Structures are given as structure tokens and as C-alpha cells.
């Protein structure tokens, strides 16, 4: 969740505060949705809805940037020859290894006395 300062920064531009603010046009359905949130006490003002929407958008964009960075790293790893080919056989082997490790852990847990 962004800090209060980050939210307040949304209301400013390079030369200072916007003199007239920013106008956002909502659809009738969006207006009804915001009004319902205000009437139920979920939000205090219409501006709170816009700030929350921007906060969620920022969060989604940060997640998107992280995914893109992970993809870039994975592609670089492949270029460096660090990748592994995935085949039906390699998947079967992986599944078998996971099963064996799970069985071994379960057996160890069953041999350990409980208090």
C-alpha cells in the first residue's frame, strides 16, 4: 500500500499543486459503484475511490514489471546455456524424484516419536 506521501504526490506536478485538480469522468455504473461504497462507509469521498484504483493499478504494474524482469533473466539464463530441455521423459523423472522425496519425508516423520 503506498504511503500517504505517495498518494499526495499524485496530486502534484512539477510546478506544484494542480490549480484546478484533475477531472475524471466515470460511467453511470462506476458512479453507482462508488456511491454504494460511500453509502456503506467503505469510502468517505469519491476521490478515495480514484486513489484506491490508482494504488491497485500501481501494484499490478509493479507485479507486471517483476514478471517481465524474471522472463528477461530466464531468457538470459537460456542464452548462457543454463537451461534444461523439458521433455515427457524429463517430466516423468522429475515426478518420480518428487514422489521419492515425499515418501522419504513421510517415512521419517512416521519414525519420529510425537510428544
C-alpha atoms as a PDB file:
ATOM      1  CA  UNK A   1       0.000   0.000   0.000  1.00  0.00           C
ATOM      2  CA  UNK A   2       1.503   3.362  -0.944  1.00  0.00           C
ATOM      3  CA  UNK A   3       2.282   5.829   1.785  1.00  0.00           C
ATOM      4  CA  UNK A   4       0.240   8.971   2.317  1.00  0.00           C
ATOM      5  CA  UNK A   5       3.107  10.932   0.773  1.00  0.00           C
ATOM      6  CA  UNK A   6       2.978   8.783  -2.356  1.00  0.00           C
ATOM      7  CA  UNK A   7      -0.763   9.345  -2.685  1.00  0.00           C
ATOM      8  CA  UNK A   8      -0.349  13.071  -2.132  1.00  0.00           C
ATOM      9  CA  UNK A   9       2.340  13.087  -4.811  1.00  0.00           C
ATOM     10  CA  UNK A  10      -0.358  12.030  -7.271  1.00  0.00           C
ATOM     11  CA  UNK A  11      -1.950  15.451  -6.730  1.00  0.00           C
ATOM     12  CA  UNK A  12       1.127  17.447  -7.701  1.00  0.00           C
ATOM     13  CA  UNK A  13       3.037  18.238 -10.852  1.00  0.00           C
ATOM     14  CA  UNK A  14       6.496  19.680 -11.473  1.00  0.00           C
ATOM     15  CA  UNK A  15       5.352  23.232 -10.836  1.00  0.00           C
ATOM     16  CA  UNK A  16       3.393  22.421  -7.672  1.00  0.00           C
ATOM     17  CA  UNK A  17      -0.223  21.550  -6.963  1.00  0.00           C
ATOM     18  CA  UNK A  18      -2.720  21.475  -9.775  1.00  0.00           C
ATOM     19  CA  UNK A  19      -4.720  24.673  -9.568  1.00  0.00           C
ATOM     20  CA  UNK A  20      -7.947  23.067 -10.727  1.00  0.00           C
ATOM     21  CA  UNK A  21      -7.299  19.439  -9.835  1.00  0.00           C
ATOM     22  CA  UNK A  22      -7.874  16.618 -12.268  1.00  0.00           C
ATOM     23  CA  UNK A  23     -11.285  15.768 -13.615  1.00  0.00           C
ATOM     24  CA  UNK A  24     -12.196  12.109 -14.039  1.00  0.00           C
ATOM     25  CA  UNK A  25     -15.356  11.101 -15.874  1.00  0.00           C
ATOM     26  CA  UNK A  26     -16.948   7.911 -14.569  1.00  0.00           C
ATOM     27  CA  UNK A  27     -19.587   5.842 -16.308  1.00  0.00           C
ATOM     28  CA  UNK A  28     -23.015   5.717 -14.647  1.00  0.00           C
ATOM     29  CA  UNK A  29     -22.246   2.176 -13.405  1.00  0.00           C
ATOM     30  CA  UNK A  30     -18.937   3.330 -11.931  1.00  0.00           C
ATOM     31  CA  UNK A  31     -20.646   6.284 -10.244  1.00  0.00           C
ATOM     32  CA  UNK A  32     -23.241   3.944  -8.722  1.00  0.00           C
ATOM     33  CA  UNK A  33     -20.467   1.614  -7.556  1.00  0.00           C
ATOM     34  CA  UNK A  34     -18.599   4.480  -5.881  1.00  0.00           C
ATOM     35  CA  UNK A  35     -21.813   5.831  -4.356  1.00  0.00           C
ATOM     36  CA  UNK A  36     -22.568   2.387  -2.903  1.00  0.00           C
ATOM     37  CA  UNK A  37     -19.087   2.266  -1.354  1.00  0.00           C
ATOM     38  CA  UNK A  38     -19.587   5.716   0.173  1.00  0.00           C
ATOM     39  CA  UNK A  39     -23.089   4.903   1.432  1.00  0.00           C
ATOM     40  CA  UNK A  40     -21.845   1.691   3.058  1.00  0.00           C
ATOM     41  CA  UNK A  41     -18.986   3.538   4.777  1.00  0.00           C
ATOM     42  CA  UNK A  42     -16.293   1.753   2.763  1.00  0.00           C
ATOM     43  CA  UNK A  43     -15.123   5.081   1.323  1.00  0.00           C
ATOM     44  CA  UNK A  44     -15.531   8.656   2.562  1.00  0.00           C
ATOM     45  CA  UNK A  45     -15.243  10.552  -0.716  1.00  0.00           C
ATOM     46  CA  UNK A  46     -15.243   9.959  -4.458  1.00  0.00           C
ATOM     47  CA  UNK A  47     -11.574  10.910  -4.540  1.00  0.00           C
ATOM     48  CA  UNK A  48     -10.822   7.961  -2.257  1.00  0.00           C
ATOM     49  CA  UNK A  49     -12.133   5.616  -4.946  1.00  0.00           C
ATOM     50  CA  UNK A  50      -9.815   7.135  -7.540  1.00  0.00           C
ATOM     51  CA  UNK A  51      -6.830   6.947  -5.189  1.00  0.00           C
ATOM     52  CA  UNK A  52      -7.572   3.316  -4.367  1.00  0.00           C
ATOM     53  CA  UNK A  53      -7.941   2.467  -8.056  1.00  0.00           C
ATOM     54  CA  UNK A  54      -4.594   4.104  -8.824  1.00  0.00           C
ATOM     55  CA  UNK A  55      -2.972   2.267  -5.937  1.00  0.00           C
ATOM     56  CA  UNK A  56      -4.223  -1.073  -7.264  1.00  0.00           C
ATOM     57  CA  UNK A  57      -3.077  -0.170 -10.765  1.00  0.00           C
ATOM     58  CA  UNK A  58       0.391   0.699  -9.458  1.00  0.00           C
ATOM     59  CA  UNK A  59       0.530  -2.617  -7.589  1.00  0.00           C
ATOM     60  CA  UNK A  60      -0.466  -4.518 -10.734  1.00  0.00           C
ATOM     61  CA  UNK A  61       2.134  -2.673 -12.806  1.00  0.00           C
ATOM     62  CA  UNK A  62       4.866  -3.453 -10.247  1.00  0.00           C
ATOM     63  CA  UNK A  63       3.909  -7.143 -10.452  1.00  0.00           C
ATOM     64  CA  UNK A  64       3.965  -6.965 -14.243  1.00  0.00           C
ATOM     65  CA  UNK A  65       7.439  -5.391 -14.166  1.00  0.00           C
ATOM     66  CA  UNK A  66       8.660  -8.151 -11.842  1.00  0.00           C
ATOM     67  CA  UNK A  67       7.316 -10.838 -14.186  1.00  0.00           C
ATOM     68  CA  UNK A  68       8.954  -9.188 -17.187  1.00  0.00           C
ATOM     69  CA  UNK A  69      12.263  -8.967 -15.298  1.00  0.00           C
ATOM     70  CA  UNK A  70      12.007 -12.670 -14.377  1.00  0.00           C
ATOM     71  CA  UNK A  71      11.344 -13.539 -18.026  1.00  0.00           C
ATOM     72  CA  UNK A  72      14.361 -11.484 -19.098  1.00  0.00           C
ATOM     73  CA  UNK A  73      16.515 -13.303 -16.531  1.00  0.00           C
ATOM     74  CA  UNK A  74      15.202 -16.693 -17.654  1.00  0.00           C
ATOM     75  CA  UNK A  75      15.945 -15.861 -21.283  1.00  0.00           C
ATOM     76  CA  UNK A  76      19.459 -14.705 -20.354  1.00  0.00           C
ATOM     77  CA  UNK A  77      19.945 -17.945 -18.435  1.00  0.00           C
ATOM     78  CA  UNK A  78      18.981 -19.922 -21.534  1.00  0.00           C
ATOM     79  CA  UNK A  79      21.392 -17.900 -23.675  1.00  0.00           C
ATOM     80  CA  UNK A  80      24.163 -18.746 -21.180  1.00  0.00           C
ATOM     81  CA  UNK A  81      23.321 -22.430 -21.648  1.00  0.00           C
ATOM     82  CA  UNK A  82      21.947 -22.848 -18.122  1.00  0.00           C
ATOM     83  CA  UNK A  83      18.531 -24.097 -19.232  1.00  0.00           C
ATOM     84  CA  UNK A  84      17.247 -27.643 -19.335  1.00  0.00           C
ATOM     85  CA  UNK A  85      15.203 -29.195 -22.106  1.00  0.00           C
ATOM     86  CA  UNK A  86      11.797 -30.286 -20.855  1.00  0.00           C
ATOM     87  CA  UNK A  87      10.539 -33.496 -22.374  1.00  0.00           C
ATOM     88  CA  UNK A  88       7.927 -36.033 -21.355  1.00  0.00           C
ATOM     89  CA  UNK A  89      10.736 -38.225 -20.038  1.00  0.00           C
ATOM     90  CA  UNK A  90      12.325 -35.418 -18.004  1.00  0.00           C
ATOM     91  CA  UNK A  91       8.912 -34.617 -16.516  1.00  0.00           C
ATOM     92  CA  UNK A  92       8.392 -38.280 -15.571  1.00  0.00           C
ATOM     93  CA  UNK A  93      11.836 -38.328 -13.937  1.00  0.00           C
ATOM     94  CA  UNK A  94      11.073 -35.140 -12.028  1.00  0.00           C
ATOM     95  CA  UNK A  95       7.723 -36.528 -10.870  1.00  0.00           C
ATOM     96  CA  UNK A  96       9.448 -39.725  -9.722  1.00  0.00           C
ATOM     97  CA  UNK A  97      12.072 -37.742  -7.777  1.00  0.00           C
ATOM     98  CA  UNK A  98       9.402 -35.638  -6.092  1.00  0.00           C
ATOM     99  CA  UNK A  99       7.442 -38.768  -5.186  1.00  0.00           C
ATOM    100  CA  UNK A 100      10.529 -40.451  -3.725  1.00  0.00           C
ATOM    101  CA  UNK A 101      11.437 -37.375  -1.663  1.00  0.00           C
ATOM    102  CA  UNK A 102       7.873 -37.104  -0.382  1.00  0.00           C
ATOM    103  CA  UNK A 103       7.779 -40.766   0.604  1.00  0.00           C
ATOM    104  CA  UNK A 104      11.145 -40.480   2.356  1.00  0.00           C
ATOM    105  CA  UNK A 105       9.985 -37.420   4.304  1.00  0.00           C
ATOM    106  CA  UNK A 106       6.728 -39.120   5.271  1.00  0.00           C
ATOM    107  CA  UNK A 107       8.619 -42.221   6.436  1.00  0.00           C
ATOM    108  CA  UNK A 108      10.985 -40.066   8.510  1.00  0.00           C
ATOM    109  CA  UNK A 109       8.060 -38.232  10.092  1.00  0.00           C
ATOM    110  CA  UNK A 110       6.358 -41.505  10.960  1.00  0.00           C
ATOM    111  CA  UNK A 111       9.513 -42.800  12.667  1.00  0.00           C
ATOM    112  CA  UNK A 112       9.932 -39.678  14.778  1.00  0.00           C
ATOM    113  CA  UNK A 113       8.074 -40.072  18.110  1.00  0.00           C
ATOM    114  CA  UNK A 114       5.444 -37.398  18.755  1.00  0.00           C
ATOM    115  CA  UNK A 115       5.352 -35.591  22.050  1.00  0.00           C
END
